[in-house]
C-alpha atoms as a PDB file:
ATOM      1  CA  MET A   1     -58.449 105.610 -75.226  1.00  0.00           C
ATOM      2  CA  ALA A   2     -60.465 107.382 -78.203  1.00  0.00           C
ATOM      3  CA  SER A   3     -63.238 105.646 -79.894  1.00  0.00           C
ATOM      4  CA  THR A   4     -62.343 106.757 -83.304  1.00  0.00           C
ATOM      5  CA  PHE A   5     -59.287 107.609 -84.912  1.00  0.00           C
ATOM      6  CA  SER A   6     -58.572 109.897 -87.958  1.00  0.00           C
ATOM      7  CA  PHE A   7     -56.151 111.432 -90.238  1.00  0.00           C
ATOM      8  CA  ASP A   8     -56.396 114.190 -93.083  1.00  0.00           C
ATOM      9  CA  ILE A   9     -55.355 113.688 -96.798  1.00  0.00           C
ATOM     10  CA  VAL A  10     -54.016 117.000 -98.152  1.00  0.00           C
ATOM     11  CA  SER A  11     -51.865 117.972-101.137  1.00  0.00           C
ATOM     12  CA  GLU A  12     -49.722 120.986-100.178  1.00  0.00           C
ATOM     13  CA  VAL A  13     -46.537 122.309-101.491  1.00  0.00           C
ATOM     14  CA  ASP A  14     -43.941 123.636 -99.013  1.00  0.00           C
ATOM     15  CA  LEU A  15     -43.462 127.307-100.420  1.00  0.00           C
ATOM     16  CA  GLN A  16     -40.215 127.772 -98.339  1.00  0.00           C
ATOM     17  CA  GLU A  17     -38.587 124.392 -99.940  1.00  0.00           C
ATOM     18  CA  THR A  18     -39.805 125.846-103.274  1.00  0.00           C
ATOM     19  CA  ASP A  19     -38.187 129.120-102.878  1.00  0.00           C
ATOM     20  CA  ASN A  20     -34.977 127.446-101.842  1.00  0.00           C
ATOM     21  CA  ALA A  21     -35.144 125.259-104.824  1.00  0.00           C
ATOM     22  CA  ILE A  22     -35.629 128.360-106.965  1.00  0.00           C
ATOM     23  CA  ASN A  23     -32.787 130.132-105.590  1.00  0.00           C
ATOM     24  CA  GLN A  24     -30.334 127.371-106.065  1.00  0.00           C
ATOM     25  CA  ALA A  25     -31.538 127.200-109.721  1.00  0.00           C
ATOM     26  CA  GLN A  26     -30.952 130.877-109.995  1.00  0.00           C
ATOM     27  CA  LYS A  27     -27.428 130.415-108.743  1.00  0.00           C
ATOM     28  CA  GLU A  28     -26.639 127.415-110.914  1.00  0.00           C
ATOM     29  CA  VAL A  29     -27.968 129.295-114.028  1.00  0.00           C
ATOM     30  CA  ALA A  30     -25.572 132.388-113.272  1.00  0.00           C
ATOM     31  CA  GLN A  31     -22.574 129.663-113.119  1.00  0.00           C
ATOM     32  CA  ARG A  32     -23.383 127.668-116.070  1.00  0.00           C
ATOM     33  CA  TYR A  33     -21.270 128.250-119.116  1.00  0.00           C
ATOM     34  CA  ASP A  34     -24.091 127.738-121.642  1.00  0.00           C
ATOM     35  CA  PHE A  35     -26.009 130.178-119.907  1.00  0.00           C
ATOM     36  CA  LYS A  36     -23.414 132.899-119.912  1.00  0.00           C
ATOM     37  CA  GLY A  37     -24.975 136.066-121.571  1.00  0.00           C
ATOM     38  CA  ALA A  38     -28.250 134.580-122.187  1.00  0.00           C
ATOM     39  CA  ASN A  39     -30.915 136.379-120.159  1.00  0.00           C
ATOM     40  CA  ALA A  40     -32.424 133.367-118.726  1.00  0.00           C
ATOM     41  CA  THR A  41     -34.652 134.124-115.365  1.00  0.00           C
ATOM     42  CA  VAL A  42     -36.555 131.813-113.110  1.00  0.00           C
ATOM     43  CA  GLU A  43     -38.864 133.609-110.473  1.00  0.00           C
ATOM     44  CA  LEU A  44     -41.175 132.135-107.761  1.00  0.00           C
ATOM     45  CA  ASP A  45     -44.452 134.339-107.205  1.00  0.00           C
ATOM     46  CA  ARG A  46     -45.608 132.917-103.698  1.00  0.00           C
ATOM     47  CA  LYS A  47     -49.133 134.702-103.841  1.00  0.00           C
ATOM     48  CA  GLU A  48     -49.963 133.134-107.043  1.00  0.00           C
ATOM     49  CA  LYS A  49     -48.026 129.894-106.420  1.00  0.00           C
ATOM     50  CA  THR A  50     -46.501 130.102-109.962  1.00  0.00           C
ATOM     51  CA  ILE A  51     -42.740 129.563-111.298  1.00  0.00           C
ATOM     52  CA  GLN A  52     -42.213 131.921-114.351  1.00  0.00           C
ATOM     53  CA  MET A  53     -39.258 131.010-116.505  1.00  0.00           C
ATOM     54  CA  GLU A  54     -37.770 132.968-119.313  1.00  0.00           C
ATOM     55  CA  ALA A  55     -34.855 132.177-121.623  1.00  0.00           C
ATOM     56  CA  ALA A  56     -33.314 133.570-124.847  1.00  0.00           C
ATOM     57  CA  ALA A  57     -34.385 130.466-126.745  1.00  0.00           C
ATOM     58  CA  GLU A  58     -36.838 127.522-126.388  1.00  0.00           C
ATOM     59  CA  PHE A  59     -33.712 124.757-125.921  1.00  0.00           C
ATOM     60  CA  GLN A  60     -32.576 126.891-123.256  1.00  0.00           C
ATOM     61  CA  LEU A  61     -35.892 126.986-121.596  1.00  0.00           C
ATOM     62  CA  LYS A  62     -36.126 123.431-121.608  1.00  0.00           C
ATOM     63  CA  GLN A  63     -32.737 123.267-119.950  1.00  0.00           C
ATOM     64  CA  LEU A  64     -34.030 125.746-117.331  1.00  0.00           C
ATOM     65  CA  VAL A  65     -37.000 123.601-116.588  1.00  0.00           C
ATOM     66  CA  ASP A  66     -34.456 120.375-116.113  1.00  0.00           C
ATOM     67  CA  ILE A  67     -32.574 122.627-113.804  1.00  0.00           C
ATOM     68  CA  VAL A  68     -35.595 123.743-111.695  1.00  0.00           C
ATOM     69  CA  GLU A  69     -36.958 120.172-111.750  1.00  0.00           C
ATOM     70  CA  SER A  70     -33.812 118.637-110.280  1.00  0.00           C
ATOM     71  CA  LYS A  71     -33.500 121.312-107.597  1.00  0.00           C
ATOM     72  CA  LEU A  72     -37.252 120.667-106.505  1.00  0.00           C
ATOM     73  CA  VAL A  73     -36.717 117.073-106.421  1.00  0.00           C
ATOM     74  CA  LYS A  74     -33.701 117.409-104.056  1.00  0.00           C
ATOM     75  CA  ARG A  75     -35.759 119.578-102.076  1.00  0.00           C
ATOM     76  CA  GLY A  76     -38.491 116.730-101.536  1.00  0.00           C
ATOM     77  CA  ILE A  77     -41.020 118.605-103.863  1.00  0.00           C
ATOM     78  CA  ALA A  78     -42.982 116.116-106.010  1.00  0.00           C
ATOM     79  CA  LEU A  79     -42.805 116.849-109.716  1.00  0.00           C
ATOM     80  CA  LYS A  80     -46.792 115.914-109.622  1.00  0.00           C
ATOM     81  CA  ALA A  81     -47.511 119.117-107.995  1.00  0.00           C
ATOM     82  CA  LEU A  82     -46.248 121.109-111.152  1.00  0.00           C
ATOM     83  CA  LYS A  83     -48.907 121.938-113.942  1.00  0.00           C
ATOM     84  CA  TYR A  84     -46.966 123.239-116.859  1.00  0.00           C
ATOM     85  CA  GLY A  85     -48.381 125.976-119.134  1.00  0.00           C
ATOM     86  CA  GLU A  86     -47.867 126.498-122.701  1.00  0.00           C
ATOM     87  CA  ILE A  87     -44.451 127.782-123.983  1.00  0.00           C
ATOM     88  CA  GLU A  88     -44.898 131.264-125.220  1.00  0.00           C
ATOM     89  CA  GLN A  89     -42.672 132.825-127.902  1.00  0.00           C
ATOM     90  CA  GLY A  90     -41.522 136.224-127.254  1.00  0.00           C
ATOM     91  CA  SER A  91     -39.335 138.691-129.332  1.00  0.00           C
ATOM     92  CA  ARG A  92     -35.889 137.721-130.808  1.00  0.00           C
ATOM     93  CA  GLY A  93     -36.767 134.011-130.214  1.00  0.00           C
ATOM     94  CA  ALA A  94     -37.155 134.420-126.595  1.00  0.00           C
ATOM     95  CA  ALA A  95     -39.502 131.898-124.804  1.00  0.00           C
ATOM     96  CA  ARG A  96     -41.472 131.978-121.734  1.00  0.00           C
ATOM     97  CA  GLN A  97     -43.133 129.207-119.627  1.00  0.00           C
ATOM     98  CA  LYS A  98     -45.345 129.669-116.540  1.00  0.00           C
ATOM     99  CA  ILE A  99     -45.610 126.617-114.326  1.00  0.00           C
ATOM    100  CA  SER A 100     -48.296 126.379-111.511  1.00  0.00           C
ATOM    101  CA  LEU A 101     -48.082 124.698-108.120  1.00  0.00           C
ATOM    102  CA  ILE A 102     -50.876 122.592-107.282  1.00  0.00           C
ATOM    103  CA  SER A 103     -52.283 122.892-103.891  1.00  0.00           C
ATOM    104  CA  GLY A 104     -55.094 121.331-102.477  1.00  0.00           C
ATOM    105  CA  ILE A 105     -57.279 118.434-103.444  1.00  0.00           C
ATOM    106  CA  ASP A 106     -60.017 119.208-106.312  1.00  0.00           C
ATOM    107  CA  LYS A 107     -63.315 117.542-106.481  1.00  0.00           C
ATOM    108  CA  GLU A 108     -62.324 114.977-109.104  1.00  0.00           C
ATOM    109  CA  ASN A 109     -59.373 113.799-107.222  1.00  0.00           C
ATOM    110  CA  ALA A 110     -60.977 113.646-103.857  1.00  0.00           C
ATOM    111  CA  LYS A 111     -63.844 111.520-105.519  1.00  0.00           C
ATOM    112  CA  GLN A 112     -60.919 109.194-106.887  1.00  0.00           C
ATOM    113  CA  VAL A 113     -59.413 109.028-103.305  1.00  0.00           C
ATOM    114  CA  THR A 114     -62.766 108.231-101.544  1.00  0.00           C
ATOM    115  CA  LYS A 115     -63.321 105.455-104.268  1.00  0.00           C
ATOM    116  CA  LEU A 116     -59.711 103.936-103.526  1.00  0.00           C
ATOM    117  CA  ILE A 117     -60.642 103.936 -99.715  1.00  0.00           C
ATOM    118  CA  LYS A 118     -63.738 102.108-100.118  1.00  0.00           C
ATOM    119  CA  GLU A 119     -62.047  99.603-102.530  1.00  0.00           C
ATOM    120  CA  SER A 120     -59.268  99.128-100.255  1.00  0.00           C
ATOM    121  CA  GLY A 121     -61.375  96.707 -97.836  1.00  0.00           C
ATOM    122  CA  ALA A 122     -60.610  98.791 -94.685  1.00  0.00           C
ATOM    123  CA  LYS A 123     -63.361  99.829 -92.466  1.00  0.00           C
ATOM    124  CA  ALA A 124     -62.729 103.497 -92.697  1.00  0.00           C
ATOM    125  CA  GLN A 125     -65.254 106.214 -93.700  1.00  0.00           C
ATOM    126  CA  ALA A 126     -63.970 109.119 -96.080  1.00  0.00           C
ATOM    127  CA  GLN A 127     -65.376 112.717 -95.954  1.00  0.00           C
ATOM    128  CA  ILE A 128     -64.410 115.584 -98.543  1.00  0.00           C
ATOM    129  CA  GLN A 129     -63.878 118.707 -96.747  1.00  0.00           C
ATOM    130  CA  ASP A 130     -63.035 121.678 -99.029  1.00  0.00           C
ATOM    131  CA  GLU A 131     -59.531 120.737-100.389  1.00  0.00           C
ATOM    132  CA  GLN A 132     -58.737 117.826 -98.146  1.00  0.00           C
ATOM    133  CA  VAL A 133     -60.085 114.446 -97.365  1.00  0.00           C
ATOM    134  CA  ARG A 134     -60.636 113.324 -93.711  1.00  0.00           C
ATOM    135  CA  VAL A 135     -60.823 109.737 -92.948  1.00  0.00           C
ATOM    136  CA  THR A 136     -61.948 108.041 -89.694  1.00  0.00           C
ATOM    137  CA  SER A 137     -61.985 104.688 -88.343  1.00  0.00           C
ATOM    138  CA  LYS A 138     -62.306 102.714 -84.982  1.00  0.00           C
ATOM    139  CA  SER A 139     -59.051 100.744 -85.792  1.00  0.00           C
ATOM    140  CA  LYS A 140     -55.716 102.468 -86.332  1.00  0.00           C
ATOM    141  CA  ASP A 141     -54.815  99.318 -88.607  1.00  0.00           C
ATOM    142  CA  ASP A 142     -57.590 100.175 -90.901  1.00  0.00           C
ATOM    143  CA  LEU A 143     -56.030 103.645 -91.194  1.00  0.00           C
ATOM    144  CA  GLN A 144     -52.694 102.159 -91.801  1.00  0.00           C
ATOM    145  CA  THR A 145     -54.116  99.898 -94.572  1.00  0.00           C
ATOM    146  CA  VAL A 146     -55.779 103.150 -96.183  1.00  0.00           C
ATOM    147  CA  ILE A 147     -52.513 105.018 -96.139  1.00  0.00           C
ATOM    148  CA  GLN A 148     -50.537 102.090 -97.787  1.00  0.00           C
ATOM    149  CA  ALA A 149     -53.549 101.702-100.453  1.00  0.00           C
ATOM    150  CA  LEU A 150     -53.076 105.375-101.435  1.00  0.00           C
ATOM    151  CA  ARG A 151     -49.305 105.378-101.417  1.00  0.00           C
ATOM    152  CA  GLU A 152     -49.327 102.426-103.905  1.00  0.00           C
ATOM    153  CA  ALA A 153     -52.192 104.274-106.148  1.00  0.00           C
ATOM    154  CA  GLU A 154     -51.162 106.124-109.192  1.00  0.00           C
ATOM    155  CA  LEU A 155     -52.838 109.677-108.445  1.00  0.00           C
ATOM    156  CA  PRO A 156     -52.144 112.566-110.476  1.00  0.00           C
ATOM    157  CA  ILE A 157     -51.387 114.700-107.286  1.00  0.00           C
ATOM    158  CA  PRO A 158     -48.885 114.050-104.343  1.00  0.00           C
ATOM    159  CA  LEU A 159     -50.834 113.412-101.185  1.00  0.00           C
ATOM    160  CA  GLN A 160     -49.607 113.946 -97.492  1.00  0.00           C
ATOM    161  CA  PHE A 161     -51.165 112.518 -94.446  1.00  0.00           C
ATOM    162  CA  VAL A 162     -51.536 114.983 -91.456  1.00  0.00           C
ATOM    163  CA  ASN A 163     -53.335 115.355 -88.262  1.00  0.00           C
ATOM    164  CA  TYR A 164     -53.094 111.576 -87.515  1.00  0.00           C
ATOM    165  CA  ARG A 165     -54.984 111.133 -84.371  1.00  0.00           C
END
């Protein structure tokens, strides 16, 4: 039996599911009557981890955002993982917006996570490792307590728990 147990806390976005959601959104835009003739596009840049949207008018862009959000939610992508850019005005009333996909836990949020772990009362240690947090304990029950506390906490990023050993 292992003397210590551990798991990692990460914040990742499944790019394949995001790609599927974007494809579904493109199909819906192509079929919707209110987008007929309107030059509305949605594209995913996997390398930059961004979603680029463009529509003929700002109100159509907002409808496009709603469509993309609904498809992402259906695919299990948390909306907390989206960081919205400014709406840019183009020529002839066109509007553009870039949405960044948040991947990894930044230092501020990692510190907040470790603080929550300490406040949970569980006998567990947390270490910040690059863009993830490793939690170790001698008791699996303490690790479960930490997971439960983090799920109940209102954090600005989505968390996943991986490498449970």
